[in-house]
Protein backbone atom coordinates (compact mmCIF):
# COMPACT_ATOMS: atom_id res chain seq x y z
CA UNK A 1 -3.56 -15.86 -5.76
CA UNK A 2 -3.64 -19.22 -6.87
CA UNK A 3 -4.11 -20.52 -3.39
CA UNK A 4 -8.04 -20.02 -1.74
CA UNK A 5 -8.13 -18.06 2.05
CA UNK A 6 -10.95 -16.01 3.58
CA UNK A 7 -13.54 -16.17 5.92
CA UNK A 8 -16.19 -19.78 5.57
CA UNK A 9 -19.77 -20.69 6.44
CA UNK A 10 -18.91 -24.45 5.94
CA UNK A 11 -16.09 -26.91 5.71
CA UNK A 12 -17.00 -27.02 2.20
CA UNK A 13 -14.45 -25.03 0.43
CA UNK A 14 -12.99 -25.81 -3.21
CA UNK A 15 -9.85 -24.28 -3.00
CA UNK A 16 -6.50 -25.60 -1.15
CA UNK A 17 -5.20 -23.03 1.01
CA UNK A 18 -6.33 -21.57 4.71
CA UNK A 19 -9.74 -20.12 5.86
CA UNK A 20 -10.03 -17.92 8.81
CA UNK A 21 -12.56 -16.59 11.09
CA UNK A 22 -12.63 -13.85 12.97
CA UNK A 23 -14.96 -13.70 16.13
CA UNK A 24 -15.21 -11.63 19.15
CA UNK A 25 -15.74 -13.45 22.30
CA UNK A 26 -18.58 -13.20 24.20
CA UNK A 27 -16.93 -11.70 27.15
CA UNK A 28 -15.42 -7.90 28.39
CA UNK A 29 -11.99 -8.85 28.21
CA UNK A 30 -11.48 -11.20 25.78
CA UNK A 31 8.98 -14.94 11.98
CA UNK A 32 6.55 -12.23 11.89
CA UNK A 33 5.35 -10.78 7.99
CA UNK A 34 6.92 -7.37 7.56
CA UNK A 35 4.79 -3.77 7.21
CA UNK A 36 5.31 -0.95 5.72
CA UNK A 37 3.91 -1.45 2.01
CA UNK A 38 1.51 1.05 0.41
CA UNK A 39 0.11 1.02 -2.93
CA UNK A 40 -1.46 3.81 -5.45
CA UNK A 41 -2.82 4.36 -8.58
CA UNK A 42 -1.25 8.15 -10.07
CA UNK A 43 -1.29 10.04 -13.11
CA UNK A 44 2.14 10.13 -13.75
CA UNK A 45 4.38 11.82 -16.58
CA UNK A 46 6.57 8.99 -16.86
CA UNK A 47 7.00 5.54 -16.60
CA UNK A 48 5.06 2.42 -17.53
CA UNK A 49 1.78 2.77 -18.47
CA UNK A 50 -0.81 0.45 -16.72
CA UNK A 51 1.92 -1.29 -14.74
CA UNK A 52 3.24 -0.81 -11.31
CA UNK A 53 6.66 1.00 -10.71
CA UNK A 54 8.08 -0.58 -7.24
CA UNK A 55 9.94 1.79 -5.16
CA UNK A 56 11.72 1.21 -2.21
CA UNK A 57 12.62 4.47 0.48
CA UNK A 58 15.46 3.96 -0.84
CA UNK A 59 14.81 4.10 -4.32
CA UNK A 60 12.75 7.34 -3.64
CA UNK A 61 15.76 8.78 -2.23
CA UNK A 62 18.56 7.84 -4.92
CA UNK A 63 16.43 7.04 -8.43
CA UNK A 64 13.57 9.08 -8.09
CA UNK A 65 13.93 10.65 -11.30
CA UNK A 66 14.50 7.50 -13.32
CA UNK A 67 11.29 6.18 -11.76
CA UNK A 68 8.71 9.27 -12.19
CA UNK A 69 10.34 12.08 -14.07
CA UNK A 70 11.18 14.15 -11.32
CA UNK A 71 13.29 15.02 -8.39
CA UNK A 72 11.87 13.62 -5.34
CA UNK A 73 11.86 17.00 -4.20
CA UNK A 74 9.75 18.29 -6.18
CA UNK A 75 5.43 19.13 -6.29
CA UNK A 76 4.71 16.50 -7.91
CA UNK A 77 6.46 13.85 -5.83
CA UNK A 78 4.61 14.98 -2.77
CA UNK A 79 2.02 12.37 -2.09
CA UNK A 80 5.04 9.84 -2.21
CA UNK A 81 6.88 12.30 0.26
CA UNK A 82 3.80 11.77 2.54
CA UNK A 83 3.56 8.55 2.14
CA UNK A 84 6.91 7.77 2.53
CA UNK A 85 6.98 9.32 6.05
CA UNK A 86 6.12 5.95 7.19
CA UNK A 87 5.75 3.46 4.75
CA UNK A 88 8.51 1.35 3.34
CA UNK A 89 7.88 0.04 0.10
CA UNK A 90 5.37 1.67 -2.40
CA UNK A 91 3.75 -0.33 -5.34
CA UNK A 92 2.96 2.98 -7.74
CA UNK A 93 0.49 2.13 -10.60
CA UNK A 94 0.57 5.00 -13.52
CA UNK A 95 -3.40 4.85 -14.21
CA UNK A 96 -3.98 5.84 -18.10
CA UNK A 97 -4.79 3.85 -21.68
CA UNK A 98 -1.22 3.19 -23.38
CA UNK A 99 -2.64 3.24 -26.58
CA UNK A 100 -3.43 7.15 -26.20
CA UNK A 101 -0.07 7.39 -24.76
CA UNK A 102 3.16 9.11 -27.25
CA UNK A 103 6.77 8.47 -26.65
CA UNK A 104 9.02 10.96 -26.93
CA UNK A 105 11.93 10.67 -30.00
CA UNK A 106 14.49 11.73 -31.96
CA UNK A 107 15.81 10.07 -35.35
CA UNK A 108 17.80 7.32 -33.89
CA UNK A 109 16.59 6.61 -30.33
CA UNK A 110 13.37 7.37 -28.34
CA UNK A 111 12.39 7.26 -24.60
CA UNK A 112 11.48 4.58 -22.69
CA UNK A 113 8.14 5.39 -21.18
CA UNK A 114 6.02 7.44 -22.82
CA UNK A 115 4.75 10.91 -21.77
CA UNK A 116 5.69 14.55 -21.30
CA UNK A 117 8.52 13.65 -19.08
CA UNK A 118 10.27 12.84 -22.30
CA UNK A 119 10.70 15.85 -23.85
CA UNK A 120 13.35 16.78 -21.16
CA UNK A 121 15.79 13.88 -22.56
CA UNK A 122 18.61 14.74 -24.79
CA UNK A 123 22.04 12.85 -25.49
CA UNK A 124 25.20 14.08 -26.76
CA UNK A 125 27.64 12.61 -29.08
CA UNK A 126 31.74 13.85 -29.16
CA UNK A 127 34.37 12.29 -30.60
CA UNK A 128 37.81 12.09 -29.79
CA UNK A 129 41.11 11.63 -31.91
CA UNK A 130 41.14 8.16 -31.77
CA UNK A 131 38.03 8.45 -33.31
CA UNK A 132 35.82 7.22 -29.98
CA UNK A 133 32.86 8.16 -28.91
CA UNK A 134 31.65 9.95 -25.79
CA UNK A 135 27.86 9.11 -25.31
CA UNK A 136 26.09 11.33 -22.81
CA UNK A 137 22.46 11.17 -22.19
CA UNK A 138 20.48 14.26 -20.06
CA UNK A 139 17.34 14.84 -18.79
CA UNK A 140 16.10 18.27 -17.90
CA UNK A 141 19.92 19.29 -18.63
CA UNK A 142 21.38 16.82 -15.62
CA UNK A 143 23.83 14.12 -16.48
CA UNK A 144 22.13 11.18 -16.50
CA UNK A 145 24.34 8.41 -18.14
CA UNK A 146 27.79 8.18 -20.38
CA UNK A 147 29.05 5.85 -22.68
CA UNK A 148 32.33 5.44 -24.32
CA UNK A 149 32.88 3.37 -27.55
CA UNK A 150 36.16 2.78 -29.38
CA UNK A 151 36.32 3.44 -32.78
CA UNK A 152 33.71 1.17 -34.91
CA UNK A 153 31.77 0.03 -31.96
CA UNK A 154 28.40 0.55 -32.57
CA UNK A 155 26.70 -1.24 -29.61
CA UNK A 156 25.52 1.46 -27.67
CA UNK A 157 23.59 0.60 -24.28
CA UNK A 158 19.85 1.52 -23.54
CA UNK A 159 20.10 3.25 -20.28
CA UNK A 160 17.14 4.12 -17.96
CA UNK A 161 15.89 6.67 -20.26
CA UNK A 162 16.83 6.16 -23.67
CA UNK A 163 16.08 3.14 -26.14
CA UNK A 164 18.63 3.21 -29.30
CA UNK A 165 17.63 1.74 -32.25
CA UNK A 166 19.38 3.19 -35.42
CA UNK A 167 23.24 3.96 -34.06
CA UNK A 168 24.73 3.47 -37.41
CA UNK A 169 22.77 7.22 -38.49
CA UNK A 170 25.56 8.24 -35.76
CA UNK A 171 28.45 10.11 -37.71
CA UNK A 172 31.83 11.40 -37.18
CA UNK A 173 30.71 14.46 -36.02
CA UNK A 174 29.84 15.67 -33.21
CA UNK A 175 26.27 16.13 -32.44
CA UNK A 176 23.32 16.61 -30.36
CA UNK A 177 19.63 14.76 -30.51
CA UNK A 178 17.07 16.17 -28.41
CA UNK A 179 13.73 14.68 -27.95
CA UNK A 180 10.41 15.69 -28.66
CA UNK A 181 6.19 14.48 -29.33
CA UNK A 182 5.82 13.03 -25.62
CA UNK A 183 2.03 13.35 -24.34
CA UNK A 184 0.60 11.54 -21.03
CA UNK A 185 -1.81 8.59 -21.75
CA UNK A 186 -5.88 9.19 -21.24
CA UNK A 187 -7.15 8.27 -17.78
CA UNK A 188 -10.56 6.86 -18.38
CA UNK A 189 -11.51 7.00 -14.67
CA UNK A 190 -13.52 4.44 -13.32
CA UNK A 191 -12.20 1.61 -16.06
CA UNK A 192 -8.21 3.00 -15.51
CA UNK A 193 -8.85 2.55 -11.42
CA UNK A 194 -10.68 -0.95 -12.58
CA UNK A 195 -7.42 -1.81 -14.61
CA UNK A 196 -5.43 -0.53 -11.46
CA UNK A 197 -7.37 -3.34 -8.82
CA UNK A 198 -7.28 -6.41 -11.09
CA UNK A 199 -3.51 -5.91 -11.52
CA UNK A 200 -2.61 -4.96 -7.67
CA UNK A 201 -4.29 -7.57 -6.36
CA UNK A 202 -1.32 -10.23 -7.53
CA UNK A 203 0.71 -8.14 -4.97
CA UNK A 204 1.06 -8.24 -1.05
CA UNK A 205 0.85 -4.96 0.58
CA UNK A 206 -0.40 -3.28 3.98
CA UNK A 207 -2.65 -0.39 2.84
CA UNK A 208 -4.30 0.86 -0.78
CA UNK A 209 -4.87 4.68 -1.41
CA UNK A 210 -8.47 5.20 -3.06
CA UNK A 211 -7.54 9.10 -4.11
CA UNK A 212 -11.18 9.80 -4.93
CA UNK A 213 -13.62 12.22 -3.27
CA UNK A 214 -17.07 12.51 -4.20
CA UNK A 215 -17.77 15.15 -6.63
CA UNK A 216 -18.91 13.89 -9.77
CA UNK A 217 -20.99 10.72 -10.27
CA UNK A 218 -17.96 8.66 -11.55
CA UNK A 219 -16.48 9.64 -8.20
CA UNK A 220 -18.77 7.99 -6.59
CA UNK A 221 -18.39 4.63 -8.68
CA UNK A 222 -14.40 4.57 -8.02
CA UNK A 223 -14.57 4.78 -4.83
CA UNK A 224 -17.18 2.49 -3.82
CA UNK A 225 -14.89 -0.04 -6.35
CA UNK A 226 -12.02 0.41 -4.22
CA UNK A 227 -14.66 -0.36 -1.23
CA UNK A 228 -16.16 -3.54 -2.59
CA UNK A 229 -12.21 -4.88 -4.21
CA UNK A 230 -11.17 -3.65 -0.30
CA UNK A 231 -14.48 -5.97 1.21
CA UNK A 232 -13.91 -8.74 -1.00
CA UNK A 233 -10.53 -9.28 -0.48
CA UNK A 234 -10.05 -9.01 3.23
CA UNK A 235 -13.34 -11.30 3.63
CA UNK A 236 -13.70 -13.73 0.76
CA UNK A 237 -10.52 -14.69 -0.55
CA UNK A 238 -8.47 -13.87 3.13
CA UNK A 239 -6.45 -10.85 1.63
CA UNK A 240 -5.45 -8.80 4.58
CA UNK A 241 -5.53 -5.26 3.91
CA UNK A 242 -7.14 -1.95 4.40
CA UNK A 243 -8.63 0.88 2.13
CA UNK A 244 -7.38 4.41 3.19
CA UNK A 245 -9.85 7.36 1.85
CA UNK A 246 -11.57 10.28 2.17
CA UNK A 247 -14.70 10.71 3.93
CA UNK A 248 -16.82 12.11 1.89
CA UNK A 249 -19.84 11.05 1.09
CA UNK A 250 -20.26 7.92 3.26
CA UNK A 251 -22.08 5.49 1.76
CA UNK A 252 -23.33 2.33 4.00
CA UNK A 253 -21.01 -0.27 2.90
CA UNK A 254 -17.90 1.68 3.82
CA UNK A 255 -18.96 0.90 7.34
CA UNK A 256 -16.28 -1.99 7.24
CA UNK A 257 -13.04 -2.69 9.28
CA UNK A 258 -11.21 -2.54 6.31
CA UNK A 259 -11.98 0.90 5.71
CA UNK A 260 -10.36 3.85 7.07
CA UNK A 261 -12.27 7.00 5.91
CA UNK A 262 -9.99 10.43 6.24
CA UNK A 263 -11.73 13.35 8.13
CA UNK A 264 -9.20 16.27 7.41
CA UNK A 265 -9.12 18.46 4.53
CA UNK A 266 -6.05 20.21 3.47
CA UNK A 267 -6.43 23.85 2.86
CA UNK A 268 -5.99 24.25 -1.09
CA UNK A 269 -6.95 22.86 -3.93
CA UNK A 270 -6.35 19.34 -3.12
CA UNK A 271 -8.62 18.64 -0.77
CA UNK A 272 -8.11 15.22 0.06
CA UNK A 273 -4.34 14.95 -0.07
CA UNK A 274 -3.69 13.59 3.59
CA UNK A 275 -4.77 10.28 2.75
CA UNK A 276 -1.36 9.70 1.61
CA UNK A 277 0.24 10.44 5.20
CA UNK A 278 -2.02 8.61 6.98
CA UNK A 279 -1.48 5.37 4.50
CA UNK A 280 1.91 5.45 5.69
CA UNK A 281 1.62 5.89 8.82
CA UNK A 282 -0.96 2.96 9.15
CA UNK A 283 1.04 0.84 6.88
CA UNK A 284 4.11 1.87 9.09
CA UNK A 285 2.75 1.42 12.25
CA UNK A 286 3.85 -2.13 14.11
CA UNK A 287 1.39 -4.54 15.59
CA UNK A 288 2.08 -3.98 19.07
CA UNK A 289 1.98 -0.09 18.27
CA UNK A 290 -1.16 2.62 17.97
CA UNK A 291 -0.86 5.41 15.73
CA UNK A 292 -2.93 7.22 18.35
CA UNK A 293 -1.26 10.97 19.20
CA UNK A 294 0.82 10.64 16.39
CA UNK A 295 2.47 14.07 15.49
CA UNK A 296 1.91 14.92 12.18
CA UNK A 297 4.88 15.45 9.84
CA UNK A 298 3.80 16.11 6.97
CA UNK A 299 3.92 18.66 4.05
CA UNK A 300 0.18 19.86 4.00
CA UNK A 301 -1.57 22.22 5.85
CA UNK A 302 -4.70 20.22 7.79
CA UNK A 303 -7.14 21.73 8.92
CA UNK A 304 -7.52 20.97 12.52
CA UNK A 305 -10.50 23.13 13.97
CA UNK A 306 -12.39 20.95 15.63
CA UNK A 307 -14.57 21.50 18.72
CA UNK A 308 -14.72 19.18 21.38
CA UNK A 309 -18.58 18.24 20.46
CA UNK A 310 -17.47 17.54 16.57
CA UNK A 311 -14.50 15.51 17.77
CA UNK A 312 -16.78 13.43 19.53
CA UNK A 313 -18.78 13.10 16.81
CA UNK A 314 -15.71 12.23 14.56
CA UNK A 315 -15.23 9.58 16.30
CA UNK A 316 -18.42 8.30 17.27
CA UNK A 317 -18.90 8.48 13.28
CA UNK A 318 -15.65 5.96 12.71
CA UNK A 319 -13.55 8.86 10.94
CA UNK A 320 -9.62 9.00 10.95
CA UNK A 321 -8.66 12.81 12.11
CA UNK A 322 -6.39 14.54 13.28
CA UNK A 323 -6.66 17.18 15.98
CA UNK A 324 -4.87 20.40 17.55
CA UNK A 325 -2.84 19.34 20.54
CA UNK A 326 -1.04 22.89 21.75
CA UNK A 327 1.07 23.93 18.39
CA UNK A 328 0.94 20.16 16.85
CA UNK A 329 -1.48 18.28 15.13
CA UNK A 330 -1.79 14.98 16.32
CA UNK A 331 -3.97 11.61 15.47
CA UNK A 332 -7.06 11.94 16.89
CA UNK A 333 -8.12 8.11 17.39
CA UNK A 334 -6.34 4.98 15.30
CA UNK A 335 -9.53 3.73 14.37
CA UNK A 336 -12.11 2.53 11.00
CA UNK A 337 -15.12 2.96 9.53
CA UNK A 338 -16.72 0.10 11.52
CA UNK A 339 -19.90 1.44 13.74
CA UNK A 340 -22.73 -1.02 13.88
CA UNK A 341 -21.01 -4.00 16.02
CA UNK A 342 -22.64 -7.69 15.93
CA UNK A 343 -21.72 -10.85 18.29
CA UNK A 344 -19.79 -11.66 15.73
CA UNK A 345 -17.50 -8.28 15.26
CA UNK A 346 -17.50 -5.82 18.35
CA UNK A 347 -15.94 -2.95 19.36
CA UNK A 348 -13.04 -3.99 19.11
CA UNK A 349 -12.92 -4.60 15.35
CA UNK A 350 -13.00 -0.60 14.96
CA UNK A 351 -9.45 -0.52 16.30
CA UNK A 352 -7.14 0.08 13.92
CA UNK A 353 -4.38 -2.33 15.85
CA UNK A 354 -7.01 -5.01 16.64
CA UNK A 355 -6.88 -5.76 12.97
CA UNK A 356 -3.19 -4.93 12.78
CA UNK A 357 -3.00 -8.12 15.14
CA UNK A 358 -5.72 -10.13 13.94
CA UNK A 359 -4.43 -9.76 10.07
CA UNK A 360 -0.78 -10.70 10.50
CA UNK A 361 -2.19 -13.65 13.03
CA UNK A 362 -4.21 -14.65 9.09
CA UNK A 363 -1.19 -13.92 7.07
CA UNK A 364 1.29 -15.40 9.15
CA UNK A 365 -0.72 -18.54 9.72
CA UNK A 366 -1.54 -18.70 5.81
CA UNK A 367 2.51 -19.13 5.39
CA UNK A 368 3.17 -21.52 7.97
CA UNK A 369 0.53 -23.55 6.14
CA UNK A 370 0.63 -22.67 2.59
CA UNK A 371 4.37 -22.92 2.62
CA UNK A 372 5.43 -26.10 5.23
CA UNK A 373 2.00 -28.49 5.29
CA UNK A 374 -0.21 -27.50 2.36
CA UNK A 375 0.13 -31.01 0.21
CA UNK A 376 3.33 -32.72 2.22
CA UNK A 377 2.20 -33.11 5.63
CA UNK A 378 -0.18 -36.22 6.61
CA UNK A 379 -3.63 -34.80 8.24
CA UNK A 380 -3.12 -37.16 11.18
CA UNK A 381 -2.09 -36.86 14.82
CA UNK A 382 1.38 -35.64 14.41
CA UNK A 383 0.88 -33.67 11.44
CA UNK A 384 -1.96 -31.93 13.37
CA UNK A 385 0.58 -31.30 16.52
CA UNK A 386 3.34 -30.25 14.42
CA UNK A 387 0.56 -27.64 13.23
CA UNK A 388 -0.59 -26.62 16.12
CA UNK A 389 3.37 -26.45 17.40
CA UNK A 390 3.95 -23.76 14.80
CA UNK A 391 1.01 -21.51 15.15
CA UNK A 392 1.97 -21.79 19.00
CA UNK A 393 5.14 -20.68 18.56
CA UNK A 394 3.76 -17.72 16.34
CA UNK A 395 1.42 -16.24 18.91
CA UNK A 396 3.97 -17.01 21.54
CA UNK A 397 6.09 -14.34 19.64
CA UNK A 398 3.07 -11.83 19.18
CA UNK A 399 3.16 -12.07 23.18
CA UNK A 400 6.72 -11.34 23.40
CA UNK A 401 5.66 -8.42 21.59
CA UNK A 402 3.08 -7.33 23.48
CA UNK A 403 0.76 -7.52 21.02
CA UNK A 404 -1.09 -9.97 22.30
CA UNK A 405 -1.69 -11.08 26.04
CA UNK A 406 -2.50 -13.90 28.87
CA UNK A 407 -1.72 -16.73 25.95
CA UNK A 408 -0.97 -19.93 26.74
CA UNK A 409 -0.93 -23.15 24.63
CA UNK A 410 -4.06 -24.68 25.22
CA UNK A 411 -5.63 -21.62 23.14
CA UNK A 412 -5.02 -23.17 20.37
CA UNK A 413 -7.00 -26.41 19.44
CA UNK A 414 -6.57 -28.15 15.77
CA UNK A 415 -8.58 -30.98 15.01
CA UNK A 416 -9.22 -33.05 11.85
CA UNK A 417 -11.94 -31.21 9.86
CA UNK A 418 -15.25 -32.52 8.08
CA UNK A 419 -13.07 -34.10 5.44
CA UNK A 420 -10.18 -36.27 5.45
CA UNK A 421 -8.64 -33.33 3.69
CA UNK A 422 -9.09 -30.36 6.03
CA UNK A 423 -7.37 -29.09 9.44
CA UNK A 424 -9.78 -27.00 11.83
CA UNK A 425 -8.07 -24.82 13.92
CA UNK A 426 -9.57 -22.42 16.70
CA UNK A 427 -7.57 -20.47 18.91
CA UNK A 428 -8.42 -17.68 21.11
CA UNK A 429 -6.31 -13.85 20.99
CA UNK A 430 -6.51 -11.34 23.57
CA UNK A 431 -5.36 -8.12 21.46
CA UNK A 432 -3.31 -5.49 23.46
CA UNK A 433 -4.47 -1.66 22.73
CA UNK A 434 -1.98 1.43 24.08
CA UNK A 435 -2.91 3.41 26.27
CA UNK A 436 -5.87 6.02 25.15
CA UNK A 437 -7.97 7.29 28.27
CA UNK A 438 -6.41 7.91 32.17
CA UNK A 439 -9.45 8.04 34.98
CA UNK A 440 -8.16 8.69 38.53
CA UNK A 441 -10.04 9.03 41.73
CA UNK A 442 -7.78 11.48 44.02
CA UNK A 443 -8.96 10.96 47.75
CA UNK A 444 -8.04 13.77 49.98
CA UNK A 445 -7.32 13.12 53.97
């Protein structure tokens, strides 16, 4: 992220960029960037180690085996299936130290990625009467690539599974080559997760998943690393996203609008896996929508056995939960972990729908300024009027979508900042939230 961004205390930032403060007003009634992007780090059996795999919903349906080593119906792909219930894209990072992984191989080729899934690869050479060669690649017994080479042609092409390195060893007889020796990389706890956080900082996403629950000391360190990463990038660098993690043993610094704590456990060994569905839901929920009362349509047996008093306590403690509504399991409240309010961040900031709208305003304002004005438009009255007009149009689109209300162009004010290069913008935005409670008085005559 080359450009500066985030909150500001004074007009004295060194980096060029967009600096935005959100402050709740002291009264009671106080082209959109696409959503739906989730990122997660996983221990995988296939794929590039220490790197990010970009996977759209269409990729997951059609190319899951090539990307992750398993069909999308496999048990190991369940976390991604949960996320893709609502997400449109996932950035999946393969955890581990690449120096400790081994590539499955045979005498003339090796798997393109290290890991135990490489041992599922084989390829077959069959000759035809014209001395041409049919080269068929199989993965777990399934044909995944076929090439035909004419007589005298040794230029076999790599595919999504195999890198060939000595095709001159192909002989005239038919052969089958099986791969062996693949092993997964070692995952070094906090070190591996820090490597992930350092890399994913350069990507744009809506939700990041922390897949760790407090069991051991190093788990707490990983959770703290995700929390600090989220708070630091949101508040100091202007990178607008939220982190979804299991509630676990909540730390004080996790009381932040960027942290969503999932309360429910899964009635199985993996107690924290609901975070994948929640992450996809929050990423895929539009800015003019709430996740409140959304139906859980995932695969896990989610524990929703709470009393009314327990549900009230869950909300008061800033935790995101599913609860039982008849035969269904639904979202209790679309909230984040912020529970300690100030004059700057009041109760409105605990609503995820509010955060989605504010994040959209921040991201789209930054795009407008950084792509159209930064370094190109003079900071004079005419230039500032043009910027004012673009910001007003953006907010009018939000009002048309019913994400904000009661907006008029007088709510945006732009003037020269404290330096000749800076621009100071102030705007008021009244966020629309979905209906959550009904109070009715019936007068009986």
